[in-house]
């Protein structure tokens, strides 16, 4: 596979969406959680989305409960939390697994295209970020602690 466009994912509202719908956009794909020390990054992700969405950019959030049970609730609860606490309007998807035998196909692709530190494929924590170019290819993987605003120059270079 050479891009994300052959994959799909279930949105947080339950509707299956082809990632080909994002063809031609620069994407930031992030595994998110509501009860994590990094959860305030939602504000920075939303700011990136609002700043660049009219130029062909999107943030795609994928809730995951694989790290210290920090996203235990059902999708409606996750959506409500994101909206009320951080005014999130960027696309959110259904809860997925990013590691192990149940890894979502999107994350299998992302991890193989951009391994982590020392070539490790595993996602280490919530808020690992993958920057995707307009052709659906992974440009770079960012550690969970990298604040969204730090990605601004990289995003602008792809727009």
C-alpha atoms as a PDB file:
ATOM      1  CA  UNK A   1       0.000   0.000   0.000  1.00  0.00           C
ATOM      2  CA  UNK A   2       1.366   3.397  -0.946  1.00  0.00           C
ATOM      3  CA  UNK A   3      -1.236   5.684   0.618  1.00  0.00           C
ATOM      4  CA  UNK A   4      -4.074   5.768   3.138  1.00  0.00           C
ATOM      5  CA  UNK A   5      -6.706   6.152   0.418  1.00  0.00           C
ATOM      6  CA  UNK A   6      -7.512   2.442   0.149  1.00  0.00           C
ATOM      7  CA  UNK A   7      -8.580   2.343   3.799  1.00  0.00           C
ATOM      8  CA  UNK A   8     -11.705   3.335   5.679  1.00  0.00           C
ATOM      9  CA  UNK A   9     -12.643   3.949   9.294  1.00  0.00           C
ATOM     10  CA  UNK A  10     -15.849   4.251  11.258  1.00  0.00           C
ATOM     11  CA  UNK A  11     -16.584   7.824  12.326  1.00  0.00           C
ATOM     12  CA  UNK A  12     -17.573   8.525  15.905  1.00  0.00           C
ATOM     13  CA  UNK A  13     -21.207   8.766  14.724  1.00  0.00           C
ATOM     14  CA  UNK A  14     -21.008   5.164  13.456  1.00  0.00           C
ATOM     15  CA  UNK A  15     -20.821   5.892   9.719  1.00  0.00           C
ATOM     16  CA  UNK A  16     -18.049   4.163   7.764  1.00  0.00           C
ATOM     17  CA  UNK A  17     -15.914   6.686   5.895  1.00  0.00           C
ATOM     18  CA  UNK A  18     -13.401   6.075   3.144  1.00  0.00           C
ATOM     19  CA  UNK A  19     -10.127   7.867   3.733  1.00  0.00           C
ATOM     20  CA  UNK A  20     -10.162   8.551  -0.014  1.00  0.00           C
ATOM     21  CA  UNK A  21     -12.643  11.296   0.942  1.00  0.00           C
ATOM     22  CA  UNK A  22      -9.567  13.182   2.191  1.00  0.00           C
ATOM     23  CA  UNK A  23      -7.669  12.815  -1.087  1.00  0.00           C
ATOM     24  CA  UNK A  24      -5.708  15.993  -1.839  1.00  0.00           C
ATOM     25  CA  UNK A  25      -5.658  17.194   1.776  1.00  0.00           C
ATOM     26  CA  UNK A  26      -2.779  17.396   4.229  1.00  0.00           C
ATOM     27  CA  UNK A  27      -3.738  15.337   7.278  1.00  0.00           C
ATOM     28  CA  UNK A  28      -2.659  15.040  10.870  1.00  0.00           C
ATOM     29  CA  UNK A  29      -3.781  11.672  12.247  1.00  0.00           C
ATOM     30  CA  UNK A  30      -3.681  11.381  16.040  1.00  0.00           C
ATOM     31  CA  UNK A  31      -4.649   8.685  18.549  1.00  0.00           C
ATOM     32  CA  UNK A  32      -6.427  10.611  21.294  1.00  0.00           C
ATOM     33  CA  UNK A  33      -7.720  10.050  24.828  1.00  0.00           C
ATOM     34  CA  UNK A  34      -9.911  12.066  27.183  1.00  0.00           C
ATOM     35  CA  UNK A  35      -8.291  11.181  30.504  1.00  0.00           C
ATOM     36  CA  UNK A  36      -4.610  11.590  29.695  1.00  0.00           C
ATOM     37  CA  UNK A  37      -2.082  14.130  30.895  1.00  0.00           C
ATOM     38  CA  UNK A  38      -1.722  15.092  27.231  1.00  0.00           C
ATOM     39  CA  UNK A  39      -5.466  15.619  26.706  1.00  0.00           C
ATOM     40  CA  UNK A  40      -5.032  19.437  26.680  1.00  0.00           C
ATOM     41  CA  UNK A  41      -3.413  18.937  23.262  1.00  0.00           C
ATOM     42  CA  UNK A  42      -6.988  18.824  21.942  1.00  0.00           C
ATOM     43  CA  UNK A  43      -6.922  22.637  22.121  1.00  0.00           C
ATOM     44  CA  UNK A  44      -3.804  22.834  19.952  1.00  0.00           C
ATOM     45  CA  UNK A  45      -5.135  20.291  17.484  1.00  0.00           C
ATOM     46  CA  UNK A  46      -8.360  22.270  17.169  1.00  0.00           C
ATOM     47  CA  UNK A  47      -6.382  25.474  16.625  1.00  0.00           C
ATOM     48  CA  UNK A  48      -4.395  23.838  13.783  1.00  0.00           C
ATOM     49  CA  UNK A  49      -7.648  22.575  12.249  1.00  0.00           C
ATOM     50  CA  UNK A  50      -9.335  25.976  12.391  1.00  0.00           C
ATOM     51  CA  UNK A  51      -6.249  27.787  11.090  1.00  0.00           C
ATOM     52  CA  UNK A  52      -5.577  25.565   8.076  1.00  0.00           C
ATOM     53  CA  UNK A  53      -8.792  23.731   7.154  1.00  0.00           C
ATOM     54  CA  UNK A  54      -9.682  26.245   4.440  1.00  0.00           C
ATOM     55  CA  UNK A  55      -6.299  25.565   2.840  1.00  0.00           C
ATOM     56  CA  UNK A  56      -6.844  21.822   2.550  1.00  0.00           C
ATOM     57  CA  UNK A  57      -5.825  20.520   5.985  1.00  0.00           C
ATOM     58  CA  UNK A  58      -7.619  18.207   8.395  1.00  0.00           C
ATOM     59  CA  UNK A  59      -6.969  16.716  11.811  1.00  0.00           C
ATOM     60  CA  UNK A  60      -8.384  13.205  12.232  1.00  0.00           C
ATOM     61  CA  UNK A  61      -8.762  12.026  15.832  1.00  0.00           C
ATOM     62  CA  UNK A  62      -8.854   8.322  16.700  1.00  0.00           C
ATOM     63  CA  UNK A  63      -9.771   7.603  20.338  1.00  0.00           C
ATOM     64  CA  UNK A  64      -7.893   4.669  21.838  1.00  0.00           C
ATOM     65  CA  UNK A  65      -8.151   3.011  25.258  1.00  0.00           C
ATOM     66  CA  UNK A  66      -4.941   0.963  25.090  1.00  0.00           C
ATOM     67  CA  UNK A  67      -2.862   3.215  27.334  1.00  0.00           C
ATOM     68  CA  UNK A  68      -3.678   3.068  31.060  1.00  0.00           C
ATOM     69  CA  UNK A  69      -7.451   2.937  30.404  1.00  0.00           C
ATOM     70  CA  UNK A  70      -7.502   6.646  29.526  1.00  0.00           C
ATOM     71  CA  UNK A  71     -10.390   6.454  27.030  1.00  0.00           C
ATOM     72  CA  UNK A  72     -12.851   4.055  28.683  1.00  0.00           C
ATOM     73  CA  UNK A  73     -16.161   5.609  27.641  1.00  0.00           C
ATOM     74  CA  UNK A  74     -18.387   4.903  24.646  1.00  0.00           C
ATOM     75  CA  UNK A  75     -18.268   7.062  21.499  1.00  0.00           C
ATOM     76  CA  UNK A  76     -21.157   9.398  22.471  1.00  0.00           C
ATOM     77  CA  UNK A  77     -19.403  10.199  25.754  1.00  0.00           C
ATOM     78  CA  UNK A  78     -16.094  10.823  23.958  1.00  0.00           C
ATOM     79  CA  UNK A  79     -17.748  13.119  21.415  1.00  0.00           C
ATOM     80  CA  UNK A  80     -19.556  15.071  24.136  1.00  0.00           C
ATOM     81  CA  UNK A  81     -16.362  15.470  26.171  1.00  0.00           C
ATOM     82  CA  UNK A  82     -14.391  16.729  23.171  1.00  0.00           C
ATOM     83  CA  UNK A  83     -17.089  19.205  22.210  1.00  0.00           C
ATOM     84  CA  UNK A  84     -17.851  20.575  25.680  1.00  0.00           C
ATOM     85  CA  UNK A  85     -14.309  20.664  27.076  1.00  0.00           C
ATOM     86  CA  UNK A  86     -12.278  21.649  23.981  1.00  0.00           C
ATOM     87  CA  UNK A  87     -14.865  22.773  21.389  1.00  0.00           C
ATOM     88  CA  UNK A  88     -13.506  20.103  19.032  1.00  0.00           C
ATOM     89  CA  UNK A  89     -14.930  20.363  15.535  1.00  0.00           C
ATOM     90  CA  UNK A  90     -12.331  18.337  13.623  1.00  0.00           C
ATOM     91  CA  UNK A  91     -13.355  14.814  12.540  1.00  0.00           C
ATOM     92  CA  UNK A  92     -13.376  12.184  15.271  1.00  0.00           C
ATOM     93  CA  UNK A  93     -13.582   8.479  14.599  1.00  0.00           C
ATOM     94  CA  UNK A  94     -14.745   5.479  16.593  1.00  0.00           C
ATOM     95  CA  UNK A  95     -12.490   4.035  19.249  1.00  0.00           C
ATOM     96  CA  UNK A  96      -9.785   1.801  17.775  1.00  0.00           C
ATOM     97  CA  UNK A  97      -6.745  -0.241  18.745  1.00  0.00           C
ATOM     98  CA  UNK A  98      -3.359   1.026  17.586  1.00  0.00           C
ATOM     99  CA  UNK A  99      -1.234  -1.885  18.847  1.00  0.00           C
ATOM    100  CA  UNK A 100      -1.540  -5.664  19.085  1.00  0.00           C
ATOM    101  CA  UNK A 101      -3.557  -8.173  17.087  1.00  0.00           C
ATOM    102  CA  UNK A 102      -6.591  -5.870  16.881  1.00  0.00           C
ATOM    103  CA  UNK A 103      -4.646  -2.962  15.371  1.00  0.00           C
ATOM    104  CA  UNK A 104      -6.811  -0.986  12.970  1.00  0.00           C
ATOM    105  CA  UNK A 105      -5.577  -1.317   9.342  1.00  0.00           C
ATOM    106  CA  UNK A 106      -4.900   2.429   9.195  1.00  0.00           C
ATOM    107  CA  UNK A 107      -2.502   2.181  12.107  1.00  0.00           C
ATOM    108  CA  UNK A 108      -0.857  -0.927  10.659  1.00  0.00           C
ATOM    109  CA  UNK A 109      -0.104   1.173   7.578  1.00  0.00           C
ATOM    110  CA  UNK A 110       0.990   4.287   9.512  1.00  0.00           C
ATOM    111  CA  UNK A 111       3.354   2.340  11.764  1.00  0.00           C
ATOM    112  CA  UNK A 112       4.958   0.487   8.859  1.00  0.00           C
ATOM    113  CA  UNK A 113       5.380   3.705   6.849  1.00  0.00           C
ATOM    114  CA  UNK A 114       6.868   5.675   9.764  1.00  0.00           C
ATOM    115  CA  UNK A 115       8.410   3.531  12.503  1.00  0.00           C
ATOM    116  CA  UNK A 116       9.133   5.144  15.824  1.00  0.00           C
ATOM    117  CA  UNK A 117      12.339   5.595  17.756  1.00  0.00           C
ATOM    118  CA  UNK A 118      14.950   2.938  16.948  1.00  0.00           C
ATOM    119  CA  UNK A 119      12.637   1.443  14.330  1.00  0.00           C
ATOM    120  CA  UNK A 120       9.946   0.415  16.810  1.00  0.00           C
ATOM    121  CA  UNK A 121       6.545   0.022  15.196  1.00  0.00           C
ATOM    122  CA  UNK A 122       4.521   0.214  18.411  1.00  0.00           C
ATOM    123  CA  UNK A 123       2.628   3.350  19.351  1.00  0.00           C
ATOM    124  CA  UNK A 124       4.035   4.323  22.753  1.00  0.00           C
ATOM    125  CA  UNK A 125       1.244   6.533  24.109  1.00  0.00           C
ATOM    126  CA  UNK A 126      -1.771   8.699  23.400  1.00  0.00           C
ATOM    127  CA  UNK A 127      -1.338  11.674  21.051  1.00  0.00           C
ATOM    128  CA  UNK A 128       1.211  10.109  18.715  1.00  0.00           C
ATOM    129  CA  UNK A 129       0.880  12.139  15.523  1.00  0.00           C
ATOM    130  CA  UNK A 130       1.307  11.211  11.844  1.00  0.00           C
ATOM    131  CA  UNK A 131       1.585  13.952   9.224  1.00  0.00           C
ATOM    132  CA  UNK A 132       0.229  12.886   5.815  1.00  0.00           C
ATOM    133  CA  UNK A 133       0.860  14.680   2.514  1.00  0.00           C
ATOM    134  CA  UNK A 134      -1.703  15.460  -0.205  1.00  0.00           C
ATOM    135  CA  UNK A 135      -0.941  12.119  -1.887  1.00  0.00           C
ATOM    136  CA  UNK A 136      -1.911  10.177   1.243  1.00  0.00           C
ATOM    137  CA  UNK A 137       1.677   9.268   2.170  1.00  0.00           C
ATOM    138  CA  UNK A 138       3.155   9.479   5.642  1.00  0.00           C
ATOM    139  CA  UNK A 139       5.635  12.351   5.869  1.00  0.00           C
ATOM    140  CA  UNK A 140       6.590  12.051   9.531  1.00  0.00           C
ATOM    141  CA  UNK A 141       5.682  10.555  12.884  1.00  0.00           C
ATOM    142  CA  UNK A 142       5.749  12.784  15.978  1.00  0.00           C
ATOM    143  CA  UNK A 143       6.068  11.694  19.608  1.00  0.00           C
ATOM    144  CA  UNK A 144       3.095  12.159  21.942  1.00  0.00           C
ATOM    145  CA  UNK A 145       4.779  14.994  23.838  1.00  0.00           C
ATOM    146  CA  UNK A 146       5.299  17.110  20.701  1.00  0.00           C
ATOM    147  CA  UNK A 147       2.832  19.967  21.022  1.00  0.00           C
ATOM    148  CA  UNK A 148       0.597  20.539  17.977  1.00  0.00           C
ATOM    149  CA  UNK A 149       1.871  24.109  17.438  1.00  0.00           C
ATOM    150  CA  UNK A 150       5.369  22.724  16.791  1.00  0.00           C
ATOM    151  CA  UNK A 151       4.006  21.109  13.616  1.00  0.00           C
ATOM    152  CA  UNK A 152       3.022  24.456  12.083  1.00  0.00           C
ATOM    153  CA  UNK A 153       6.099  24.829   9.794  1.00  0.00           C
ATOM    154  CA  UNK A 154       5.795  21.235   8.555  1.00  0.00           C
ATOM    155  CA  UNK A 155       2.063  21.650   7.845  1.00  0.00           C
ATOM    156  CA  UNK A 156       2.607  24.956   6.052  1.00  0.00           C
ATOM    157  CA  UNK A 157       5.339  23.418   3.874  1.00  0.00           C
ATOM    158  CA  UNK A 158       2.829  20.792   2.656  1.00  0.00           C
ATOM    159  CA  UNK A 159      -0.082  23.156   2.003  1.00  0.00           C
END
